[in-house]
N, C-alpha and C. Protein backbone atom coordinates (compact mmCIF):
# COMPACT_ATOMS: atom_id res chain seq x y z
N UNK A 1 8.23 9.68 -13.70
CA UNK A 1 7.12 8.45 -13.61
C UNK A 1 5.90 9.00 -12.61
N UNK A 2 5.02 8.31 -12.81
CA UNK A 2 3.91 8.69 -12.07
C UNK A 2 3.51 7.30 -11.51
N UNK A 3 2.54 7.87 -10.37
CA UNK A 3 1.57 7.14 -9.61
C UNK A 3 0.05 7.30 -9.45
N UNK A 4 -0.44 6.10 -9.99
CA UNK A 4 -2.15 6.24 -9.97
C UNK A 4 -2.89 5.38 -8.79
N UNK A 5 -3.37 6.01 -7.68
CA UNK A 5 -4.30 5.41 -6.99
C UNK A 5 -5.70 4.90 -7.63
N UNK A 6 -6.03 3.60 -7.09
CA UNK A 6 -6.88 3.34 -7.69
C UNK A 6 -7.88 2.84 -6.36
N UNK A 7 -8.87 3.56 -6.17
CA UNK A 7 -9.53 3.56 -4.54
C UNK A 7 -10.83 2.02 -5.06
N UNK A 8 -10.68 1.29 -3.93
CA UNK A 8 -11.62 0.28 -4.32
C UNK A 8 -12.55 0.36 -2.79
N UNK A 9 -13.96 0.67 -2.79
CA UNK A 9 -14.83 0.76 -1.43
C UNK A 9 -14.19 1.74 -0.69
N UNK A 10 -13.87 2.83 -0.95
CA UNK A 10 -13.24 3.72 0.00
C UNK A 10 -14.16 5.03 -0.07
N UNK A 11 -14.89 5.60 0.51
CA UNK A 11 -15.60 6.62 0.95
C UNK A 11 -14.57 7.70 1.79
N UNK A 12 -13.58 7.34 2.26
CA UNK A 12 -12.93 8.52 3.18
C UNK A 12 -11.74 9.40 1.84
N UNK A 13 -12.35 10.10 1.41
CA UNK A 13 -11.35 11.06 0.25
C UNK A 13 -9.98 11.77 1.24
N UNK A 14 -10.63 12.10 2.62
CA UNK A 14 -9.40 12.98 2.91
C UNK A 14 -8.19 11.74 2.95
N UNK A 15 -8.04 10.46 3.27
CA UNK A 15 -6.91 9.31 3.41
C UNK A 15 -6.44 9.33 1.76
N UNK A 16 -7.43 9.28 0.42
CA UNK A 16 -6.65 9.31 -0.70
C UNK A 16 -6.11 10.67 -0.90
N UNK A 17 -6.68 11.61 -0.42
CA UNK A 17 -5.72 13.18 -0.73
C UNK A 17 -4.62 13.09 0.21
N UNK A 18 -4.79 12.50 1.24
CA UNK A 18 -3.52 12.17 1.94
C UNK A 18 -2.16 11.23 1.25
N UNK A 19 -2.77 10.45 0.73
CA UNK A 19 -2.10 9.39 0.01
C UNK A 19 -1.15 10.40 -1.10
N UNK A 20 -1.90 10.63 -1.82
CA UNK A 20 -1.25 11.38 -3.03
C UNK A 20 -0.36 12.69 -2.39
N UNK A 21 -0.62 13.09 -1.61
CA UNK A 21 0.04 14.16 -1.00
C UNK A 21 1.06 13.88 -0.74
N UNK A 22 1.29 12.51 0.77
CA UNK A 22 2.53 11.96 0.74
C UNK A 22 3.64 11.44 -0.41
N UNK A 23 2.59 10.55 -1.16
CA UNK A 23 3.43 9.84 -1.74
C UNK A 23 4.35 10.94 -3.32
N UNK A 24 3.22 12.01 -3.43
CA UNK A 24 4.16 13.44 -4.60
C UNK A 24 5.71 13.44 -3.70
N UNK A 25 5.20 14.51 -2.45
CA UNK A 25 6.30 14.73 -1.45
C UNK A 25 7.29 13.93 -1.31
N UNK A 26 7.49 12.66 -0.87
CA UNK A 26 8.49 11.37 -0.35
C UNK A 26 9.05 11.10 -1.88
N UNK A 27 8.43 10.60 -3.27
CA UNK A 27 8.87 10.44 -4.27
C UNK A 27 9.23 10.73 -5.10
N UNK A 28 8.67 12.60 -4.72
CA UNK A 28 9.03 13.18 -6.00
C UNK A 28 8.45 13.32 -7.48
N UNK A 29 7.17 12.26 -7.32
CA UNK A 29 6.47 12.18 -8.57
C UNK A 29 4.93 12.58 -8.36
N UNK A 30 4.42 12.91 -9.75
CA UNK A 30 3.43 13.09 -10.00
C UNK A 30 1.93 11.61 -9.62
N UNK A 31 1.53 11.85 -8.67
CA UNK A 31 0.62 11.31 -8.23
C UNK A 31 -0.98 11.68 -8.23
N UNK A 32 -2.03 10.39 -8.65
CA UNK A 32 -3.39 11.20 -8.89
C UNK A 32 -4.68 10.00 -8.62
N UNK A 33 -5.50 10.30 -8.83
CA UNK A 33 -6.45 9.31 -8.37
C UNK A 33 -7.04 8.53 -9.86
N UNK A 34 -7.49 7.43 -9.94
CA UNK A 34 -7.97 6.99 -11.22
C UNK A 34 -9.06 5.93 -10.82
N UNK A 35 -9.66 5.72 -11.84
CA UNK A 35 -10.73 5.25 -11.76
C UNK A 35 -10.65 3.68 -12.37
N UNK A 36 -10.63 2.50 -11.93
CA UNK A 36 -10.77 1.02 -12.29
C UNK A 36 -11.74 0.56 -12.08
N UNK A 37 -12.16 -0.33 -13.04
CA UNK A 37 -13.27 -1.39 -12.48
C UNK A 37 -13.00 -2.76 -12.01
N UNK A 38 -13.59 -2.88 -10.84
CA UNK A 38 -13.04 -4.64 -10.43
C UNK A 38 -14.62 -5.19 -9.87
N UNK A 39 -14.43 -6.28 -10.59
CA UNK A 39 -15.55 -7.55 -10.37
C UNK A 39 -14.96 -8.06 -8.67
N UNK A 40 -15.46 -7.21 -7.67
CA UNK A 40 -15.55 -7.88 -6.31
C UNK A 40 -16.09 -8.96 -5.97
N UNK A 41 -17.37 -9.05 -6.35
CA UNK A 41 -18.08 -10.49 -6.19
C UNK A 41 -17.22 -11.87 -6.95
N UNK A 42 -16.40 -11.75 -7.94
CA UNK A 42 -15.56 -12.60 -8.68
C UNK A 42 -14.36 -12.80 -7.26
N UNK A 43 -13.74 -11.96 -6.53
CA UNK A 43 -12.81 -12.17 -5.85
C UNK A 43 -13.28 -12.34 -4.41
N UNK A 44 -14.64 -12.42 -4.01
CA UNK A 44 -14.82 -12.82 -2.49
C UNK A 44 -15.08 -13.96 -2.51
N UNK A 45 -14.60 -14.53 -1.31
CA UNK A 45 -14.34 -15.80 -0.78
C UNK A 45 -15.68 -16.04 0.52
N UNK A 46 -16.97 -16.55 0.36
CA UNK A 46 -18.07 -16.61 1.19
C UNK A 46 -17.08 -17.05 2.16
N UNK A 47 -16.58 -18.48 2.39
CA UNK A 47 -15.95 -19.25 3.25
C UNK A 47 -15.11 -18.32 4.36
N UNK A 48 -14.14 -17.81 3.65
CA UNK A 48 -13.23 -17.10 4.55
C UNK A 48 -14.15 -15.52 5.20
N UNK A 49 -14.99 -14.88 4.17
CA UNK A 49 -15.72 -13.92 4.15
C UNK A 49 -14.40 -12.61 3.94
N UNK A 50 -13.67 -12.84 3.21
CA UNK A 50 -12.52 -11.86 2.66
C UNK A 50 -12.39 -11.76 1.02
N UNK A 51 -11.48 -10.96 0.59
CA UNK A 51 -10.93 -10.91 -1.09
C UNK A 51 -9.91 -10.89 -1.14
N UNK A 52 -9.65 -12.01 -2.33
CA UNK A 52 -8.56 -12.58 -2.62
C UNK A 52 -7.87 -11.70 -3.59
N UNK A 53 -6.59 -11.00 -2.92
CA UNK A 53 -5.50 -9.74 -3.00
C UNK A 53 -5.19 -9.73 -4.44
N UNK A 54 -4.63 -10.95 -5.03
CA UNK A 54 -4.01 -11.24 -6.11
C UNK A 54 -5.09 -10.99 -7.44
N UNK A 55 -6.06 -11.49 -7.28
CA UNK A 55 -7.38 -10.94 -8.11
C UNK A 55 -7.74 -9.67 -8.62
N UNK A 56 -7.24 -8.68 -7.54
CA UNK A 56 -7.24 -7.47 -7.74
C UNK A 56 -5.99 -6.76 -8.97
N UNK A 57 -4.96 -7.51 -8.28
CA UNK A 57 -3.91 -7.11 -9.19
C UNK A 57 -3.84 -7.46 -10.59
N UNK A 58 -4.62 -8.91 -10.59
CA UNK A 58 -4.71 -9.36 -11.71
C UNK A 58 -5.76 -8.49 -13.24
N UNK A 59 -7.00 -7.99 -11.99
CA UNK A 59 -7.57 -7.55 -12.96
C UNK A 59 -7.32 -5.92 -13.33
N UNK A 60 -6.42 -5.30 -11.99
CA UNK A 60 -5.72 -4.25 -12.66
C UNK A 60 -5.00 -3.93 -14.37
N UNK A 61 -3.92 -5.38 -13.82
CA UNK A 61 -3.04 -5.61 -15.03
C UNK A 61 -3.97 -5.68 -16.16
N UNK A 62 -5.35 -6.06 -16.46
CA UNK A 62 -5.90 -5.91 -17.72
C UNK A 62 -6.42 -4.80 -18.10
N UNK A 63 -6.60 -3.69 -16.99
CA UNK A 63 -6.77 -2.73 -17.48
C UNK A 63 -5.92 -1.54 -17.54
N UNK A 64 -4.85 -1.72 -17.30
CA UNK A 64 -3.90 -0.72 -17.27
C UNK A 64 -2.35 -1.21 -18.18
N UNK A 65 -2.51 -1.69 -19.07
CA UNK A 65 -1.66 -1.84 -20.13
C UNK A 65 -0.87 -0.73 -20.64
N UNK A 66 -1.81 -0.07 -20.74
CA UNK A 66 -1.56 1.36 -21.72
C UNK A 66 -0.86 2.23 -20.75
N UNK A 67 -1.07 2.54 -19.13
CA UNK A 67 -0.51 3.35 -18.44
C UNK A 67 0.55 3.52 -17.95
N UNK A 68 1.22 4.40 -17.99
CA UNK A 68 2.61 4.58 -17.90
C UNK A 68 3.06 5.08 -16.46
N UNK A 69 3.42 4.07 -15.25
CA UNK A 69 3.77 4.63 -13.86
C UNK A 69 3.09 3.38 -12.85
N UNK A 70 3.31 3.49 -11.53
CA UNK A 70 2.70 2.66 -10.70
C UNK A 70 1.08 2.77 -10.75
N UNK A 71 0.81 1.57 -9.98
CA UNK A 71 -0.80 1.89 -9.85
C UNK A 71 -0.96 1.21 -8.54
N UNK A 72 -1.30 1.59 -7.56
CA UNK A 72 -1.66 1.24 -6.32
C UNK A 72 -3.21 1.06 -6.15
N UNK A 73 -3.87 0.32 -5.76
CA UNK A 73 -5.05 -0.25 -5.37
C UNK A 73 -5.21 -0.15 -4.03
N UNK A 74 -6.16 0.69 -3.74
CA UNK A 74 -6.42 0.93 -2.04
C UNK A 74 -7.81 0.63 -1.47
N UNK A 75 -8.06 -0.05 -0.46
CA UNK A 75 -9.43 -0.40 -0.62
C UNK A 75 -9.51 -0.75 1.49
N UNK A 76 -10.84 -0.52 1.32
CA UNK A 76 -11.40 -1.14 3.00
C UNK A 76 -11.94 -2.24 2.91
N UNK A 77 -11.67 -3.29 1.99
CA UNK A 77 -12.00 -4.70 1.82
C UNK A 77 -10.91 -5.33 2.86
N UNK A 78 -11.22 -6.45 3.43
CA UNK A 78 -10.61 -7.24 3.87
C UNK A 78 -9.67 -8.58 3.16
N UNK A 79 -8.62 -8.52 2.76
CA UNK A 79 -7.90 -9.14 1.83
C UNK A 79 -7.41 -10.51 2.50
N UNK A 80 -7.18 -11.50 1.80
CA UNK A 80 -6.35 -12.71 1.86
C UNK A 80 -5.51 -13.37 0.75
N UNK A 81 -4.71 -14.07 0.79
CA UNK A 81 -3.99 -15.08 -0.06
C UNK A 81 -4.73 -16.73 0.80
N UNK A 82 -4.52 -17.64 -0.06
CA UNK A 82 -4.46 -18.85 0.36
C UNK A 82 -3.51 -19.04 1.31
N UNK A 83 -2.11 -18.62 1.64
CA UNK A 83 -1.49 -19.50 2.91
C UNK A 83 -1.49 -18.37 4.22
N UNK A 84 -2.04 -17.41 3.38
CA UNK A 84 -2.08 -16.51 5.13
C UNK A 84 -3.57 -16.03 5.25
N UNK A 85 -3.58 -16.05 6.81
CA UNK A 85 -5.06 -15.28 7.40
C UNK A 85 -5.52 -14.15 7.11
N UNK A 86 -5.03 -13.21 6.75
CA UNK A 86 -5.01 -12.43 5.87
C UNK A 86 -3.91 -11.19 5.57
N UNK A 87 -3.83 -10.06 5.02
CA UNK A 87 -2.55 -9.28 4.80
C UNK A 87 -2.96 -8.19 4.66
N UNK A 88 -2.26 -6.84 5.03
CA UNK A 88 -1.90 -5.73 4.69
C UNK A 88 -1.99 -5.39 2.93
N UNK A 89 -1.53 -5.90 2.55
CA UNK A 89 -0.98 -5.66 1.33
C UNK A 89 -0.34 -6.38 0.04
N UNK A 90 0.03 -6.44 -0.73
CA UNK A 90 0.65 -7.14 -1.71
C UNK A 90 1.18 -6.47 -2.87
N UNK A 91 2.40 -6.72 -3.18
CA UNK A 91 2.93 -5.77 -4.62
C UNK A 91 3.87 -6.82 -5.56
N UNK A 92 3.97 -6.29 -6.67
CA UNK A 92 4.68 -6.72 -7.69
C UNK A 92 6.26 -6.88 -7.26
N UNK A 93 7.33 -7.46 -6.96
CA UNK A 93 8.53 -6.91 -7.02
C UNK A 93 8.87 -6.50 -7.95
N UNK A 94 9.53 -5.26 -7.97
CA UNK A 94 10.03 -4.57 -9.19
C UNK A 94 9.00 -4.11 -9.84
N UNK A 95 7.60 -4.24 -10.01
CA UNK A 95 6.80 -4.28 -11.00
C UNK A 95 5.90 -3.00 -10.85
N UNK A 96 4.71 -3.02 -11.47
CA UNK A 96 3.74 -1.83 -11.71
C UNK A 96 2.37 -1.93 -10.57
N UNK A 97 2.23 -3.23 -10.02
CA UNK A 97 1.17 -2.75 -9.65
C UNK A 97 0.89 -3.28 -7.83
N UNK A 98 0.32 -2.83 -7.18
CA UNK A 98 0.31 -3.18 -5.50
C UNK A 98 -0.97 -2.65 -5.25
N UNK A 99 -1.30 -3.50 -4.24
CA UNK A 99 -2.94 -3.33 -3.40
C UNK A 99 -2.37 -2.85 -1.44
N UNK A 100 -3.03 -2.44 -1.51
CA UNK A 100 -3.02 -1.90 0.82
C UNK A 100 -4.79 -2.04 0.81
N UNK A 101 -4.83 -2.64 1.83
CA UNK A 101 -5.59 -2.94 2.52
C UNK A 101 -5.83 -2.23 3.85
N UNK A 102 -6.96 -1.25 4.23
CA UNK A 102 -6.90 -0.34 5.40
C UNK A 102 -7.90 -1.09 6.53
N UNK A 103 -8.33 -2.10 5.86
CA UNK A 103 -9.29 -2.94 6.74
C UNK A 103 -9.08 -2.88 8.32
N UNK A 104 -7.96 -3.77 8.30
CA UNK A 104 -7.22 -4.46 10.08
C UNK A 104 -6.13 -3.08 10.17
N UNK A 105 -5.84 -1.97 9.73
CA UNK A 105 -5.33 -1.03 10.16
C UNK A 105 -6.82 0.38 10.98
N UNK A 106 -7.44 -0.01 11.07
CA UNK A 106 -8.32 0.79 11.81
C UNK A 106 -8.25 0.31 13.29
N UNK A 107 -8.04 1.13 14.41
CA UNK A 107 -8.02 0.39 15.83
C UNK A 107 -9.30 0.40 16.07
N UNK A 108 -10.19 0.52 15.71
CA UNK A 108 -11.42 -0.06 16.24
C UNK A 108 -11.83 -1.14 15.56
N UNK A 109 -10.75 -1.66 14.84
CA UNK A 109 -11.09 -3.18 14.21
C UNK A 109 -10.53 -3.89 15.67
N UNK A 110 -9.72 -3.40 16.25
CA UNK A 110 -9.19 -4.08 17.47
C UNK A 110 -9.92 -3.66 18.84
N UNK A 111 -10.51 -2.72 18.93
CA UNK A 111 -11.00 -1.67 20.35
C UNK A 111 -12.05 -1.41 19.84
N UNK A 112 -13.00 -0.81 20.80
CA UNK A 112 -13.93 0.07 20.44
C UNK A 112 -13.36 1.73 19.79
N UNK A 113 -12.12 2.09 20.24
CA UNK A 113 -11.96 3.15 20.22
C UNK A 113 -11.23 3.63 18.80
N UNK A 114 -11.54 4.55 17.83
CA UNK A 114 -11.34 5.14 17.21
C UNK A 114 -9.77 6.04 17.42
N UNK A 115 -8.98 6.11 16.28
CA UNK A 115 -7.52 7.03 16.61
C UNK A 115 -7.31 6.73 14.69
N UNK A 116 -7.93 8.22 14.83
CA UNK A 116 -7.62 8.72 13.16
C UNK A 116 -6.18 8.93 13.20
N UNK A 117 -5.46 9.82 13.74
CA UNK A 117 -4.20 9.71 13.52
C UNK A 117 -3.22 8.42 13.65
N UNK A 118 -3.46 7.43 14.29
CA UNK A 118 -2.93 6.26 14.11
C UNK A 118 -3.60 5.75 13.05
N UNK A 119 -4.56 5.53 12.35
CA UNK A 119 -5.05 5.29 11.48
C UNK A 119 -4.39 5.81 10.07
N UNK A 120 -4.00 7.24 9.96
CA UNK A 120 -3.34 7.44 9.07
C UNK A 120 -1.79 7.01 9.02
N UNK A 121 -1.24 6.93 10.02
CA UNK A 121 0.31 6.23 10.43
C UNK A 121 0.15 5.06 9.56
N UNK A 122 -0.42 4.17 9.83
CA UNK A 122 -0.65 2.79 9.69
C UNK A 122 -0.72 2.81 8.24
N UNK A 123 -2.17 3.39 7.56
CA UNK A 123 -2.01 3.59 6.06
C UNK A 123 -0.64 4.08 5.68
N UNK A 124 -0.21 5.01 5.67
CA UNK A 124 0.84 5.37 4.89
C UNK A 124 1.85 4.80 5.02
N UNK A 125 2.19 3.82 6.09
CA UNK A 125 3.38 3.10 6.38
C UNK A 125 2.87 1.91 5.41
N UNK A 126 1.87 1.21 5.25
CA UNK A 126 1.50 0.12 4.31
C UNK A 126 1.67 0.55 3.09
N UNK A 127 1.50 1.98 2.46
CA UNK A 127 1.56 2.47 1.32
C UNK A 127 2.74 2.54 0.68
N UNK A 128 4.04 3.15 1.54
CA UNK A 128 4.89 2.93 1.18
C UNK A 128 5.83 1.83 1.54
N UNK A 129 5.45 0.77 2.01
CA UNK A 129 5.76 -0.60 2.05
C UNK A 129 5.68 -1.10 0.86
N UNK A 130 4.36 -1.02 0.21
CA UNK A 130 4.42 -1.90 -0.73
C UNK A 130 4.86 -1.49 -1.94
N UNK A 131 4.76 0.31 -2.03
CA UNK A 131 5.62 0.68 -3.35
C UNK A 131 7.04 0.42 -3.27
N UNK A 132 7.06 0.29 -1.79
CA UNK A 132 8.81 -0.25 -1.66
C UNK A 132 9.02 -1.40 -2.68
N UNK A 133 8.13 -2.15 -2.60
CA UNK A 133 8.43 -3.50 -2.96
C UNK A 133 8.23 -3.45 -4.68
N UNK A 134 7.03 -2.58 -5.18
CA UNK A 134 6.99 -2.03 -6.47
C UNK A 134 8.40 -1.27 -7.18
N UNK A 135 9.30 -0.84 -6.25
CA UNK A 135 10.21 -0.40 -6.51
C UNK A 135 11.82 -1.38 -6.33
N UNK A 136 11.53 -2.47 -5.59
CA UNK A 136 12.74 -3.56 -6.15
C UNK A 136 13.04 -4.31 -4.66
N UNK A 137 12.29 -3.53 -3.54
CA UNK A 137 12.77 -3.90 -2.25
C UNK A 137 12.44 -4.84 -1.55
N UNK A 138 13.04 -5.73 -1.14
CA UNK A 138 12.57 -6.64 -0.09
C UNK A 138 12.37 -6.24 0.98
N UNK A 139 12.02 -7.02 1.91
CA UNK A 139 11.89 -7.16 3.19
C UNK A 139 13.23 -7.15 3.64
N UNK A 140 12.97 -5.60 4.78
CA UNK A 140 14.50 -5.12 5.56
C UNK A 140 14.54 -5.62 6.85
N UNK A 141 15.43 -6.26 7.61
CA UNK A 141 15.73 -6.28 9.46
C UNK A 141 15.64 -5.14 9.74
N UNK A 142 15.82 -3.92 9.42
CA UNK A 142 15.90 -2.94 10.20
C UNK A 142 14.23 -2.54 11.21
N UNK A 143 14.27 -2.48 12.26
CA UNK A 143 12.85 -2.14 12.67
C UNK A 143 12.33 -0.64 12.55
N UNK A 144 13.50 0.14 12.12
CA UNK A 144 12.97 1.59 11.88
C UNK A 144 12.79 1.80 10.40
N UNK A 145 13.17 1.04 9.60
CA UNK A 145 12.65 0.78 7.96
C UNK A 145 11.20 0.66 7.56
N UNK A 146 10.40 1.13 7.28
CA UNK A 146 9.04 0.79 6.63
C UNK A 146 9.12 -0.78 5.98
N UNK A 147 10.08 -0.77 5.37
CA UNK A 147 9.94 -2.12 4.66
C UNK A 147 10.43 -3.26 5.68
N UNK A 148 10.29 -3.08 7.05
CA UNK A 148 10.36 -4.17 7.75
C UNK A 148 8.91 -4.93 7.20
N UNK A 149 9.03 -6.26 7.77
CA UNK A 149 7.85 -7.30 6.96
C UNK A 149 6.63 -7.07 8.69
N UNK A 150 5.49 -6.93 8.31
CA UNK A 150 4.51 -6.79 9.10
C UNK A 150 3.45 -7.66 9.08
N UNK A 151 3.50 -8.88 10.27
CA UNK A 151 2.27 -9.48 10.19
C UNK A 151 1.24 -9.34 11.52
N UNK A 152 1.34 -8.38 11.85
CA UNK A 152 0.22 -7.95 12.98
C UNK A 152 0.66 -6.07 13.15
N UNK A 153 -0.80 -5.60 13.40
CA UNK A 153 -0.87 -4.36 13.82
C UNK A 153 0.12 -3.59 14.37
N UNK A 154 0.35 -4.84 15.29
CA UNK A 154 1.26 -4.29 16.18
C UNK A 154 2.84 -4.15 15.82
N UNK A 155 3.06 -4.78 14.97
CA UNK A 155 4.50 -4.63 13.89
C UNK A 155 4.20 -3.41 13.20
N UNK A 156 3.15 -3.56 12.59
CA UNK A 156 3.04 -2.00 11.70
C UNK A 156 3.30 -0.75 12.73
N UNK A 157 2.93 -0.99 13.77
CA UNK A 157 3.22 0.67 14.65
C UNK A 157 4.64 0.58 15.15
N UNK A 158 5.18 -0.59 15.45
CA UNK A 158 6.62 -0.59 15.59
C UNK A 158 7.41 -0.13 14.62
N UNK A 159 7.01 -0.58 13.63
CA UNK A 159 8.17 -0.13 12.61
C UNK A 159 8.41 1.60 12.43
N UNK A 160 9.28 1.70 11.40
CA UNK A 160 9.67 3.30 11.47
C UNK A 160 8.85 3.77 10.09
N UNK A 161 8.87 4.86 10.33
CA UNK A 161 7.65 5.09 9.13
C UNK A 161 8.52 5.72 7.31
N UNK A 162 9.55 5.86 7.38
CA UNK A 162 10.12 5.72 5.84
C UNK A 162 11.35 4.88 5.90
N UNK A 163 12.15 4.93 4.56
CA UNK A 163 13.14 3.90 4.18
C UNK A 163 14.29 4.09 5.29
N UNK A 164 14.73 2.92 5.33
CA UNK A 164 16.24 3.40 6.03
C UNK A 164 17.03 3.77 5.15
N UNK A 165 18.41 4.48 5.26
CA UNK A 165 19.19 4.73 4.70
C UNK A 165 19.84 3.84 3.37
N UNK A 166 19.97 2.67 3.46
CA UNK A 166 20.20 1.58 2.73
C UNK A 166 18.65 1.08 1.94
N UNK A 167 17.70 1.10 2.22
CA UNK A 167 16.47 0.92 1.25
C UNK A 167 16.42 2.00 0.56
N UNK A 168 16.77 3.58 0.86
CA UNK A 168 16.00 4.15 0.51
C UNK A 168 17.53 4.55 -0.74
N UNK A 169 18.57 4.50 -0.59
CA UNK A 169 19.75 4.10 -1.64
C UNK A 169 19.47 3.29 -2.44
N UNK A 170 18.78 1.98 -2.37
CA UNK A 170 18.37 0.99 -3.43
C UNK A 170 17.21 1.50 -4.49
N UNK A 171 16.63 2.32 -3.88
CA UNK A 171 15.24 2.52 -4.96
C UNK A 171 15.83 3.68 -5.96
N UNK A 172 16.74 4.59 -5.08
CA UNK A 172 17.11 5.86 -5.72
C UNK A 172 17.91 5.16 -6.68
N UNK A 173 19.05 4.57 -6.65
CA UNK A 173 20.02 3.92 -7.81
C UNK A 173 19.32 2.62 -8.65
N UNK A 174 18.18 2.04 -8.47
CA UNK A 174 17.51 1.21 -8.94
C UNK A 174 16.45 1.57 -10.25
N UNK A 175 16.10 2.88 -9.65
CA UNK A 175 14.91 3.16 -10.26
C UNK A 175 15.49 4.68 -11.12
N UNK A 176 16.14 5.56 -10.58
CA UNK A 176 16.76 6.77 -11.26
C UNK A 176 16.06 7.81 -10.51
N UNK A 177 15.75 7.37 -9.40
CA UNK A 177 14.63 9.10 -8.80
C UNK A 177 15.31 9.35 -7.75
N UNK A 178 15.08 10.31 -7.11
CA UNK A 178 15.75 11.06 -6.06
C UNK A 178 14.78 11.13 -4.82
N UNK A 179 14.59 10.57 -3.83
CA UNK A 179 13.67 10.42 -2.96
C UNK A 179 13.85 11.54 -1.81
N UNK A 180 12.60 12.34 -1.39
CA UNK A 180 12.86 13.42 -0.43
C UNK A 180 12.79 12.74 1.04
N UNK A 181 13.55 12.80 1.74
CA UNK A 181 13.33 12.14 2.96
C UNK A 181 12.53 12.91 4.07
N UNK A 182 10.97 12.82 3.36
CA UNK A 182 10.42 13.18 4.03
C UNK A 182 9.19 12.31 4.53
N UNK A 183 8.24 12.33 5.67
CA UNK A 183 7.05 11.27 5.91
C UNK A 183 6.51 12.27 6.98
N UNK A 184 5.65 12.92 6.66
CA UNK A 184 4.96 13.82 7.44
C UNK A 184 3.57 13.33 7.72
N UNK A 185 2.47 13.30 8.70
CA UNK A 185 1.43 12.83 8.97
C UNK A 185 0.78 13.20 9.84
């Protein structure tokens, strides 16, 4: 199994490299970046000043039918779905495609302070969270688990960095993969 990272409107190559490194290490899979073409104008809501996340997944599905592996779209664009003010990510449960927005994970979104290490922690937590959904996990009640639901950046900060034992076991059993219990940042 492979993981393909599809950046949209991201200039931070260090972040892409870190995602590739951490997913390869933790999931014991081949991770690499790919280029997909997205019509972002079509997904933009002038009223909300945000981008429709499900539309990115729909456009990715059209382009990746012949690709064997998971597709993780990553972006700096602010995402929404109609029933939520914003979201950090969206994924197909037991599916191939997911998207993570880093827009609201930057500390400077909330204050004047930049905190690069905190940003990377948040970004990796949300990447692992959405991939967890792709691997069949639902939200976990354990605050130490990366699969705990996050409706605010404070909840992203509180939750753990990796899957709890129960969630990790489910990923391994349901997907036939051996996770490495590692999450470096």
